[in-house]
């Protein structure tokens, strides 16, 4: 069996996404190590630790998001998984956008509270990583093949109602002549 060009390019893209996620995990580990060193310093620098923590959080979310985009690509290979792939990419896009805005707000608040540039740099780097993730998820969402149905939907069968010209007799009802009918 030979692979089609779409499958080959999808495989290459998946390898790139997983490689990017691996690099983001390595960056997260390095930043976490630096965070531990900053906290162990005498006296600990809270502003530096906050900046490193925000940067590590952004890199960790980037790694998770890249793996989600790779999973959506795998789902989209089958026609039955395209809707789910679109949903995964939409959630990834929304989560990364909200995360980027949250990182920017936290960075502004941290810089205004500490008057140090380190939290702003860490939050800015995290926000840029998340904006990049949102861009990747949005482009992947647009590239999903459209599942066009070429066969029309089957018609709904019409069943005529079963009515007769005569009313249905109701026992003791108004349609049945009884003793009250002759008493008038």
N, C-alpha and C. Protein backbone atom coordinates (compact mmCIF):
# COMPACT_ATOMS: atom_id res chain seq x y z
N UNK A 1 0.83 -1.18 0.00
CA UNK A 1 0.00 0.00 0.00
C UNK A 1 0.87 1.24 0.00
N UNK A 2 0.47 2.22 -0.75
CA UNK A 2 1.19 3.49 -0.76
C UNK A 2 0.35 4.54 -0.06
N UNK A 3 1.04 5.47 0.56
CA UNK A 3 0.35 6.54 1.28
C UNK A 3 0.05 7.68 0.31
N UNK A 4 -1.08 8.31 0.53
CA UNK A 4 -1.45 9.46 -0.30
C UNK A 4 -0.66 10.68 0.17
N UNK A 5 -0.50 11.68 -0.70
CA UNK A 5 0.25 12.89 -0.29
C UNK A 5 -0.36 13.59 0.92
N UNK A 6 -1.68 13.55 1.07
CA UNK A 6 -2.32 14.20 2.22
C UNK A 6 -1.92 13.51 3.52
N UNK A 7 -1.83 12.18 3.49
CA UNK A 7 -1.44 11.45 4.70
C UNK A 7 0.02 11.72 5.04
N UNK A 8 0.88 11.79 4.01
CA UNK A 8 2.29 12.06 4.25
C UNK A 8 2.47 13.46 4.84
N UNK A 9 1.81 14.46 4.26
CA UNK A 9 1.96 15.81 4.78
C UNK A 9 1.34 15.92 6.17
N UNK A 10 0.26 15.19 6.42
CA UNK A 10 -0.33 15.18 7.76
C UNK A 10 0.59 14.55 8.78
N UNK A 11 1.31 13.51 8.37
CA UNK A 11 2.26 12.87 9.27
C UNK A 11 3.43 13.79 9.58
N UNK A 12 3.92 14.48 8.58
CA UNK A 12 5.01 15.42 8.81
C UNK A 12 4.58 16.55 9.73
N UNK A 13 3.37 17.01 9.53
CA UNK A 13 2.86 18.09 10.37
C UNK A 13 2.71 17.61 11.82
N UNK A 14 2.25 16.38 11.99
CA UNK A 14 2.11 15.82 13.33
C UNK A 14 3.47 15.69 14.00
N UNK A 15 4.48 15.28 13.24
CA UNK A 15 5.82 15.17 13.80
C UNK A 15 6.34 16.54 14.22
N UNK A 16 6.07 17.56 13.41
CA UNK A 16 6.50 18.91 13.78
C UNK A 16 5.78 19.40 15.03
N UNK A 17 4.49 19.13 15.12
CA UNK A 17 3.73 19.57 16.29
C UNK A 17 4.22 18.87 17.57
N UNK A 18 4.46 17.57 17.48
CA UNK A 18 4.94 16.84 18.66
C UNK A 18 6.36 17.27 19.01
N UNK A 19 7.18 17.54 18.01
CA UNK A 19 8.53 18.05 18.29
C UNK A 19 8.47 19.42 18.96
N UNK A 20 7.56 20.27 18.51
CA UNK A 20 7.37 21.57 19.15
C UNK A 20 6.90 21.42 20.58
N UNK A 21 6.01 20.47 20.82
CA UNK A 21 5.53 20.22 22.18
C UNK A 21 6.67 19.72 23.07
N UNK A 22 7.53 18.89 22.51
CA UNK A 22 8.68 18.40 23.27
C UNK A 22 9.62 19.55 23.63
N UNK A 23 9.85 20.44 22.68
CA UNK A 23 10.69 21.61 22.96
C UNK A 23 10.06 22.50 24.03
N UNK A 24 8.73 22.64 23.98
CA UNK A 24 8.05 23.46 24.99
C UNK A 24 8.14 22.81 26.37
N UNK A 25 8.12 21.49 26.43
CA UNK A 25 8.27 20.80 27.71
C UNK A 25 9.68 21.02 28.26
N UNK A 26 10.69 20.97 27.38
CA UNK A 26 12.07 21.21 27.82
C UNK A 26 12.21 22.63 28.36
N UNK A 27 11.62 23.60 27.67
CA UNK A 27 11.66 24.98 28.14
C UNK A 27 10.96 25.10 29.49
N UNK A 28 9.83 24.41 29.64
CA UNK A 28 9.11 24.42 30.91
C UNK A 28 9.98 23.87 32.03
N UNK A 29 10.68 22.77 31.76
CA UNK A 29 11.55 22.18 32.79
C UNK A 29 12.71 23.10 33.16
N UNK A 30 13.29 23.75 32.16
CA UNK A 30 14.40 24.68 32.43
C UNK A 30 13.90 25.86 33.26
N UNK A 31 12.76 26.42 32.86
CA UNK A 31 12.22 27.56 33.62
C UNK A 31 11.81 27.16 35.03
N UNK A 32 11.31 25.95 35.19
CA UNK A 32 10.95 25.48 36.52
C UNK A 32 12.20 25.29 37.38
N UNK A 33 13.28 24.80 36.77
CA UNK A 33 14.54 24.68 37.50
C UNK A 33 15.08 26.04 37.93
N UNK A 34 15.00 27.00 37.02
CA UNK A 34 15.44 28.36 37.36
C UNK A 34 14.55 28.97 38.44
N UNK A 35 13.26 28.63 38.39
CA UNK A 35 12.33 29.10 39.41
C UNK A 35 12.72 28.55 40.78
N UNK A 36 13.05 27.27 40.82
CA UNK A 36 13.51 26.67 42.08
C UNK A 36 14.78 27.32 42.59
N UNK A 37 15.70 27.63 41.68
CA UNK A 37 16.94 28.29 42.08
C UNK A 37 16.67 29.70 42.59
N UNK A 38 15.75 30.39 41.96
CA UNK A 38 15.42 31.75 42.42
C UNK A 38 14.77 31.73 43.79
N UNK A 39 13.95 30.72 44.04
CA UNK A 39 13.30 30.63 45.35
C UNK A 39 14.27 30.19 46.43
N UNK A 40 15.30 29.44 46.05
CA UNK A 40 16.28 28.96 47.03
C UNK A 40 17.34 30.01 47.35
N UNK A 41 17.40 31.08 46.58
CA UNK A 41 18.40 32.12 46.80
C UNK A 41 18.13 32.83 48.12
N UNK A 42 19.22 33.38 48.68
CA UNK A 42 19.10 34.12 49.94
C UNK A 42 19.31 35.59 49.64
N UNK A 43 18.46 36.47 49.75
CA UNK A 43 17.00 36.40 49.91
C UNK A 43 16.35 36.08 48.56
N UNK A 44 15.23 35.39 48.60
CA UNK A 44 14.57 35.03 47.33
C UNK A 44 14.00 36.26 46.64
N UNK A 45 14.12 36.26 45.33
CA UNK A 45 13.62 37.37 44.54
C UNK A 45 12.20 37.02 44.06
N UNK A 46 11.21 37.64 44.66
CA UNK A 46 9.82 37.33 44.33
C UNK A 46 9.47 37.74 42.90
N UNK A 47 10.00 38.84 42.43
CA UNK A 47 9.68 39.31 41.09
C UNK A 47 10.26 38.38 40.04
N UNK A 48 11.50 37.94 40.25
CA UNK A 48 12.12 37.01 39.31
C UNK A 48 11.40 35.68 39.32
N UNK A 49 11.05 35.21 40.50
CA UNK A 49 10.33 33.94 40.62
C UNK A 49 8.97 34.02 39.93
N UNK A 50 8.29 35.13 40.09
CA UNK A 50 6.99 35.29 39.44
C UNK A 50 7.13 35.32 37.92
N UNK A 51 8.14 36.01 37.42
CA UNK A 51 8.38 36.05 35.98
C UNK A 51 8.71 34.68 35.42
N UNK A 52 9.57 33.93 36.13
CA UNK A 52 9.91 32.58 35.67
C UNK A 52 8.70 31.64 35.75
N UNK A 53 7.91 31.80 36.78
CA UNK A 53 6.72 30.96 36.92
C UNK A 53 5.70 31.22 35.82
N UNK A 54 5.50 32.48 35.49
CA UNK A 54 4.57 32.81 34.40
C UNK A 54 5.07 32.30 33.06
N UNK A 55 6.36 32.42 32.82
CA UNK A 55 6.94 31.90 31.58
C UNK A 55 6.82 30.38 31.50
N UNK A 56 7.06 29.70 32.62
CA UNK A 56 6.94 28.23 32.65
C UNK A 56 5.49 27.81 32.43
N UNK A 57 4.56 28.54 33.01
CA UNK A 57 3.15 28.20 32.81
C UNK A 57 2.75 28.38 31.34
N UNK A 58 3.22 29.44 30.71
CA UNK A 58 2.93 29.64 29.29
C UNK A 58 3.51 28.55 28.42
N UNK A 59 4.74 28.11 28.72
CA UNK A 59 5.37 27.04 27.94
C UNK A 59 4.65 25.72 28.15
N UNK A 60 4.18 25.46 29.38
CA UNK A 60 3.45 24.22 29.64
C UNK A 60 2.12 24.19 28.90
N UNK A 61 1.41 25.31 28.87
CA UNK A 61 0.14 25.38 28.14
C UNK A 61 0.39 25.25 26.64
N UNK A 62 1.49 25.81 26.16
CA UNK A 62 1.84 25.67 24.74
C UNK A 62 2.06 24.21 24.39
N UNK A 63 2.79 23.47 25.23
CA UNK A 63 3.03 22.05 24.97
C UNK A 63 1.73 21.27 24.92
N UNK A 64 0.85 21.54 25.86
CA UNK A 64 -0.44 20.85 25.88
C UNK A 64 -1.27 21.20 24.65
N UNK A 65 -1.27 22.46 24.28
CA UNK A 65 -2.04 22.88 23.12
C UNK A 65 -1.52 22.30 21.82
N UNK A 66 -0.19 22.21 21.66
CA UNK A 66 0.37 21.61 20.45
C UNK A 66 -0.01 20.14 20.34
N UNK A 67 -0.04 19.44 21.46
CA UNK A 67 -0.47 18.04 21.44
C UNK A 67 -1.96 17.93 21.10
N UNK A 68 -2.76 18.88 21.55
CA UNK A 68 -4.18 18.87 21.21
C UNK A 68 -4.39 19.13 19.72
N UNK A 69 -3.60 20.02 19.14
CA UNK A 69 -3.71 20.29 17.70
C UNK A 69 -3.27 19.06 16.90
N UNK A 70 -2.23 18.37 17.36
CA UNK A 70 -1.79 17.14 16.68
C UNK A 70 -2.88 16.07 16.77
N UNK A 71 -3.53 15.96 17.90
CA UNK A 71 -4.63 14.99 18.06
C UNK A 71 -5.80 15.35 17.15
N UNK A 72 -6.10 16.60 17.01
CA UNK A 72 -7.18 17.02 16.12
C UNK A 72 -6.85 16.67 14.67
N UNK A 73 -5.58 16.80 14.30
CA UNK A 73 -5.18 16.41 12.95
C UNK A 73 -5.36 14.92 12.71
N UNK A 74 -5.08 14.13 13.74
CA UNK A 74 -5.28 12.69 13.61
C UNK A 74 -6.77 12.36 13.51
N UNK A 75 -7.58 13.08 14.25
CA UNK A 75 -9.03 12.85 14.17
C UNK A 75 -9.58 13.23 12.81
N UNK A 76 -9.03 14.28 12.21
CA UNK A 76 -9.56 14.81 10.95
C UNK A 76 -9.23 13.91 9.76
N UNK A 77 -8.37 12.93 9.94
CA UNK A 77 -8.04 12.04 8.82
C UNK A 77 -9.22 11.17 8.42
N UNK A 78 -10.11 10.92 9.35
CA UNK A 78 -11.30 10.11 9.06
C UNK A 78 -12.50 11.03 8.90
N UNK A 79 -13.34 10.78 7.91
CA UNK A 79 -14.50 11.66 7.72
C UNK A 79 -15.41 11.73 8.94
N UNK A 80 -15.49 10.66 9.71
CA UNK A 80 -16.37 10.68 10.87
C UNK A 80 -15.78 11.49 12.02
N UNK A 81 -14.49 11.80 11.99
CA UNK A 81 -13.87 12.54 13.08
C UNK A 81 -13.67 14.02 12.81
N UNK A 82 -14.12 14.50 11.67
CA UNK A 82 -13.88 15.91 11.32
C UNK A 82 -14.63 16.88 12.24
N UNK A 83 -15.82 16.51 12.62
CA UNK A 83 -16.61 17.40 13.50
C UNK A 83 -15.93 17.48 14.86
N UNK A 84 -15.48 16.34 15.36
CA UNK A 84 -14.81 16.34 16.66
C UNK A 84 -13.48 17.09 16.58
N UNK A 85 -12.76 16.93 15.48
CA UNK A 85 -11.50 17.66 15.30
C UNK A 85 -11.75 19.16 15.31
N UNK A 86 -12.81 19.59 14.65
CA UNK A 86 -13.15 21.02 14.63
C UNK A 86 -13.48 21.50 16.05
N UNK A 87 -14.16 20.68 16.81
CA UNK A 87 -14.50 21.06 18.19
C UNK A 87 -13.24 21.15 19.06
N UNK A 88 -12.31 20.21 18.90
CA UNK A 88 -11.06 20.25 19.67
C UNK A 88 -10.26 21.50 19.32
N UNK A 89 -10.18 21.81 18.03
CA UNK A 89 -9.43 22.99 17.61
C UNK A 89 -10.09 24.28 18.09
N UNK A 90 -11.41 24.32 18.08
CA UNK A 90 -12.12 25.51 18.57
C UNK A 90 -11.87 25.71 20.06
N UNK A 91 -11.93 24.62 20.83
CA UNK A 91 -11.65 24.73 22.27
C UNK A 91 -10.22 25.18 22.53
N UNK A 92 -9.30 24.64 21.76
CA UNK A 92 -7.88 25.02 21.91
C UNK A 92 -7.69 26.50 21.57
N UNK A 93 -8.33 26.94 20.52
CA UNK A 93 -8.25 28.35 20.12
C UNK A 93 -8.80 29.26 21.21
N UNK A 94 -9.96 28.92 21.73
CA UNK A 94 -10.57 29.76 22.77
C UNK A 94 -9.77 29.74 24.06
N UNK A 95 -9.30 28.56 24.47
CA UNK A 95 -8.54 28.46 25.71
C UNK A 95 -7.22 29.23 25.62
N UNK A 96 -6.55 29.13 24.48
CA UNK A 96 -5.28 29.84 24.36
C UNK A 96 -5.49 31.35 24.28
N UNK A 97 -6.57 31.79 23.68
CA UNK A 97 -6.87 33.22 23.62
C UNK A 97 -7.17 33.77 25.02
N UNK A 98 -8.00 33.04 25.76
CA UNK A 98 -8.33 33.47 27.13
C UNK A 98 -7.07 33.43 28.00
N UNK A 99 -6.24 32.40 27.82
CA UNK A 99 -4.99 32.30 28.58
C UNK A 99 -4.04 33.45 28.27
N UNK A 100 -3.95 33.84 27.01
CA UNK A 100 -3.08 34.95 26.64
C UNK A 100 -3.55 36.26 27.27
N UNK A 101 -4.85 36.48 27.27
CA UNK A 101 -5.38 37.70 27.89
C UNK A 101 -5.14 37.66 29.40
N UNK A 102 -5.34 36.49 30.01
CA UNK A 102 -5.11 36.36 31.45
C UNK A 102 -3.64 36.59 31.80
N UNK A 103 -2.73 36.06 30.99
CA UNK A 103 -1.30 36.28 31.25
C UNK A 103 -0.95 37.76 31.13
N UNK A 104 -1.52 38.43 30.15
CA UNK A 104 -1.24 39.86 29.99
C UNK A 104 -1.75 40.64 31.19
N UNK A 105 -2.93 40.31 31.68
CA UNK A 105 -3.49 41.01 32.84
C UNK A 105 -2.66 40.74 34.09
N UNK A 106 -2.29 39.47 34.28
CA UNK A 106 -1.47 39.12 35.45
C UNK A 106 -0.12 39.83 35.37
N UNK A 107 0.46 39.91 34.18
CA UNK A 107 1.74 40.60 34.03
C UNK A 107 1.64 42.07 34.35
N UNK A 108 0.59 42.71 33.89
CA UNK A 108 0.41 44.15 34.17
C UNK A 108 0.22 44.38 35.67
N UNK A 109 -0.58 43.54 36.29
CA UNK A 109 -0.81 43.69 37.73
C UNK A 109 0.47 43.42 38.51
N UNK A 110 1.23 42.40 38.09
CA UNK A 110 2.47 42.07 38.80
C UNK A 110 3.52 43.18 38.64
N UNK A 111 3.62 43.74 37.45
CA UNK A 111 4.60 44.82 37.24
C UNK A 111 4.19 46.06 38.03
N UNK A 112 2.91 46.36 38.07
CA UNK A 112 2.48 47.55 38.81
C UNK A 112 2.64 47.35 40.32
N UNK A 113 2.57 46.09 40.77
CA UNK A 113 2.73 45.83 42.21
C UNK A 113 4.17 45.75 42.65
N UNK A 114 5.06 45.20 41.82
CA UNK A 114 6.45 45.00 42.22
C UNK A 114 7.40 46.05 41.66
N UNK A 115 7.02 46.74 40.62
CA UNK A 115 7.86 47.73 39.93
C UNK A 115 9.13 47.08 39.36
N UNK A 116 9.08 45.75 39.13
CA UNK A 116 10.21 45.04 38.54
C UNK A 116 9.79 44.55 37.15
N UNK A 117 10.73 44.51 36.19
CA UNK A 117 10.36 44.09 34.85
C UNK A 117 10.22 42.58 34.65
N UNK A 118 10.74 41.79 35.57
CA UNK A 118 10.75 40.32 35.38
C UNK A 118 9.35 39.72 35.24
N UNK A 119 8.38 40.07 36.07
CA UNK A 119 7.04 39.49 35.87
C UNK A 119 6.42 39.88 34.54
N UNK A 120 6.67 41.09 34.12
CA UNK A 120 6.15 41.54 32.83
C UNK A 120 6.76 40.79 31.67
N UNK A 121 8.07 40.52 31.76
CA UNK A 121 8.74 39.76 30.71
C UNK A 121 8.23 38.32 30.66
N UNK A 122 8.07 37.71 31.83
CA UNK A 122 7.56 36.33 31.87
C UNK A 122 6.13 36.24 31.36
N UNK A 123 5.29 37.17 31.78
CA UNK A 123 3.89 37.17 31.33
C UNK A 123 3.80 37.51 29.85
N UNK A 124 4.64 38.42 29.40
CA UNK A 124 4.64 38.77 27.97
C UNK A 124 5.06 37.59 27.10
N UNK A 125 6.10 36.87 27.55
CA UNK A 125 6.54 35.69 26.80
C UNK A 125 5.44 34.62 26.78
N UNK A 126 4.79 34.42 27.92
CA UNK A 126 3.71 33.44 27.98
C UNK A 126 2.54 33.84 27.09
N UNK A 127 2.21 35.12 27.09
CA UNK A 127 1.11 35.59 26.25
C UNK A 127 1.45 35.43 24.77
N UNK A 128 2.70 35.70 24.39
CA UNK A 128 3.10 35.51 22.99
C UNK A 128 3.05 34.04 22.59
N UNK A 129 3.46 33.15 23.49
CA UNK A 129 3.38 31.72 23.19
C UNK A 129 1.93 31.29 22.99
N UNK A 130 1.04 31.81 23.80
CA UNK A 130 -0.37 31.43 23.69
C UNK A 130 -1.03 32.05 22.47
N UNK A 131 -0.61 33.22 22.07
CA UNK A 131 -1.12 33.81 20.82
C UNK A 131 -0.66 32.97 19.64
N UNK A 132 0.58 32.51 19.69
CA UNK A 132 1.08 31.61 18.64
C UNK A 132 0.28 30.32 18.58
N UNK A 133 -0.05 29.78 19.74
CA UNK A 133 -0.87 28.56 19.79
C UNK A 133 -2.25 28.82 19.21
N UNK A 134 -2.84 29.97 19.53
CA UNK A 134 -4.15 30.31 18.98
C UNK A 134 -4.08 30.43 17.46
N UNK A 135 -2.99 30.96 16.96
CA UNK A 135 -2.82 31.08 15.51
C UNK A 135 -2.72 29.71 14.86
N UNK A 136 -1.96 28.81 15.45
CA UNK A 136 -1.82 27.46 14.90
C UNK A 136 -3.16 26.73 14.93
N UNK A 137 -3.89 26.86 16.03
CA UNK A 137 -5.19 26.18 16.12
C UNK A 137 -6.19 26.77 15.13
N UNK A 138 -6.18 28.08 14.96
CA UNK A 138 -7.09 28.72 14.01
C UNK A 138 -6.79 28.33 12.58
N UNK A 139 -5.52 28.29 12.21
CA UNK A 139 -5.15 27.87 10.85
C UNK A 139 -5.50 26.41 10.61
N UNK A 140 -5.28 25.59 11.61
CA UNK A 140 -5.63 24.17 11.47
C UNK A 140 -7.13 23.99 11.33
N UNK A 141 -7.88 24.80 12.03
CA UNK A 141 -9.35 24.73 11.94
C UNK A 141 -9.82 25.13 10.55
N UNK A 142 -9.20 26.14 9.97
CA UNK A 142 -9.58 26.57 8.62
C UNK A 142 -9.20 25.53 7.57
N UNK A 143 -8.14 24.79 7.80
CA UNK A 143 -7.66 23.81 6.82
C UNK A 143 -8.41 22.49 6.86
N UNK A 144 -9.30 22.32 7.80
CA UNK A 144 -10.06 21.07 7.86
C UNK A 144 -10.87 20.90 6.58
N UNK A 145 -10.85 19.69 6.01
CA UNK A 145 -11.66 19.47 4.81
C UNK A 145 -13.14 19.56 5.14
N UNK A 146 -13.85 20.17 4.23
CA UNK A 146 -15.29 20.32 4.42
C UNK A 146 -15.96 19.01 4.02
N UNK A 147 -16.78 18.51 4.90
CA UNK A 147 -17.50 17.27 4.62
C UNK A 147 -18.77 17.62 3.85
N UNK A 148 -18.66 17.65 2.53
CA UNK A 148 -19.80 18.00 1.69
C UNK A 148 -20.59 16.74 1.37
N UNK A 149 -21.84 16.78 1.65
CA UNK A 149 -22.71 15.64 1.37
C UNK A 149 -23.25 15.79 -0.06
N UNK A 150 -22.90 14.83 -0.91
CA UNK A 150 -23.34 14.89 -2.30
C UNK A 150 -24.68 14.20 -2.49
N UNK A 151 -25.09 13.39 -1.55
CA UNK A 151 -26.38 12.71 -1.67
C UNK A 151 -27.41 13.51 -0.89
N UNK A 152 -28.59 13.72 -1.50
CA UNK A 152 -29.61 14.47 -0.77
C UNK A 152 -30.19 13.63 0.36
N UNK A 153 -30.74 14.31 1.31
CA UNK A 153 -31.35 13.61 2.44
C UNK A 153 -32.58 12.85 1.96
N UNK A 154 -32.83 11.68 2.52
CA UNK A 154 -34.01 10.92 2.09
C UNK A 154 -35.28 11.67 2.46
N UNK A 155 -36.29 11.61 1.59
CA UNK A 155 -37.52 12.33 1.89
C UNK A 155 -38.28 11.69 3.05
N UNK A 156 -38.99 12.52 3.76
CA UNK A 156 -39.80 12.03 4.86
C UNK A 156 -41.08 11.46 4.26
N UNK A 157 -41.43 10.22 4.60
CA UNK A 157 -42.64 9.63 4.00
C UNK A 157 -43.90 10.32 4.51
N UNK A 158 -44.86 10.47 3.61
CA UNK A 158 -46.13 11.09 3.96
C UNK A 158 -47.15 9.99 4.18
N UNK A 159 -47.71 9.99 5.35
CA UNK A 159 -48.75 9.00 5.67
C UNK A 159 -50.06 9.76 5.84
N UNK A 160 -51.04 9.51 4.93
CA UNK A 160 -52.31 10.23 5.07
C UNK A 160 -53.05 9.76 6.33
N UNK A 161 -53.79 10.68 6.91
CA UNK A 161 -54.52 10.31 8.12
C UNK A 161 -55.70 9.43 7.76
N UNK A 162 -56.07 8.56 8.64
CA UNK A 162 -57.17 7.62 8.43
C UNK A 162 -58.44 8.22 9.01
N UNK A 163 -59.20 8.92 8.19
CA UNK A 163 -60.44 9.54 8.65
C UNK A 163 -61.60 9.02 7.83
N UNK A 164 -62.70 8.93 8.45
CA UNK A 164 -63.92 8.55 7.73
C UNK A 164 -64.88 9.73 7.77
N UNK A 165 -65.91 9.64 6.96
CA UNK A 165 -66.89 10.72 6.87
C UNK A 165 -67.82 10.73 8.07
N UNK A 166 -67.97 9.62 8.73
CA UNK A 166 -68.88 9.55 9.88
C UNK A 166 -68.11 9.75 11.18
N UNK A 167 -68.74 10.41 12.13
CA UNK A 167 -68.07 10.57 13.42
C UNK A 167 -68.00 9.24 14.16
N UNK A 168 -67.00 9.12 14.95
CA UNK A 168 -66.81 7.91 15.75
C UNK A 168 -67.79 7.96 16.91
N UNK A 169 -68.57 6.90 17.10
CA UNK A 169 -69.52 6.93 18.22
C UNK A 169 -68.81 6.85 19.56
N UNK A 170 -69.28 7.67 20.48
CA UNK A 170 -68.73 7.69 21.82
C UNK A 170 -69.80 7.16 22.75
N UNK A 171 -69.49 6.13 23.52
CA UNK A 171 -70.52 5.59 24.42
C UNK A 171 -70.96 6.64 25.44
N UNK A 172 -72.25 6.89 25.47
CA UNK A 172 -72.83 7.85 26.41
C UNK A 172 -72.49 9.28 26.04
N UNK A 173 -71.99 9.50 24.83
CA UNK A 173 -71.57 10.83 24.43
C UNK A 173 -72.64 11.55 23.64
N UNK A 174 -72.36 12.70 23.12
CA UNK A 174 -73.30 13.56 22.42
C UNK A 174 -73.64 13.03 21.03
N UNK A 175 -72.78 12.20 20.43
CA UNK A 175 -73.07 11.74 19.09
C UNK A 175 -74.02 10.53 19.07
N UNK A 176 -74.32 9.99 20.21
CA UNK A 176 -75.19 8.83 20.28
C UNK A 176 -76.59 9.27 20.78
N UNK A 177 -77.62 8.96 20.00
CA UNK A 177 -78.95 9.34 20.51
C UNK A 177 -79.33 8.48 21.72
N UNK A 178 -79.87 9.08 22.69
CA UNK A 178 -80.25 8.38 23.91
C UNK A 178 -81.57 8.89 24.41
N UNK A 179 -81.86 8.57 25.64
CA UNK A 179 -83.14 9.00 26.21
C UNK A 179 -83.26 10.51 26.32
N UNK A 180 -82.17 11.21 26.45
CA UNK A 180 -82.27 12.68 26.57
C UNK A 180 -82.61 13.31 25.24
N UNK A 181 -82.30 12.63 24.11
CA UNK A 181 -82.55 13.20 22.81
C UNK A 181 -84.05 13.27 22.53
N UNK A 182 -84.83 12.30 22.98
CA UNK A 182 -86.27 12.29 22.73
C UNK A 182 -87.02 13.16 23.73
N UNK A 183 -86.43 13.58 24.81
CA UNK A 183 -87.12 14.33 25.85
C UNK A 183 -87.25 15.78 25.49
N UNK A 184 -86.63 16.25 24.51
CA UNK A 184 -86.69 17.66 24.18
C UNK A 184 -87.95 17.96 23.56
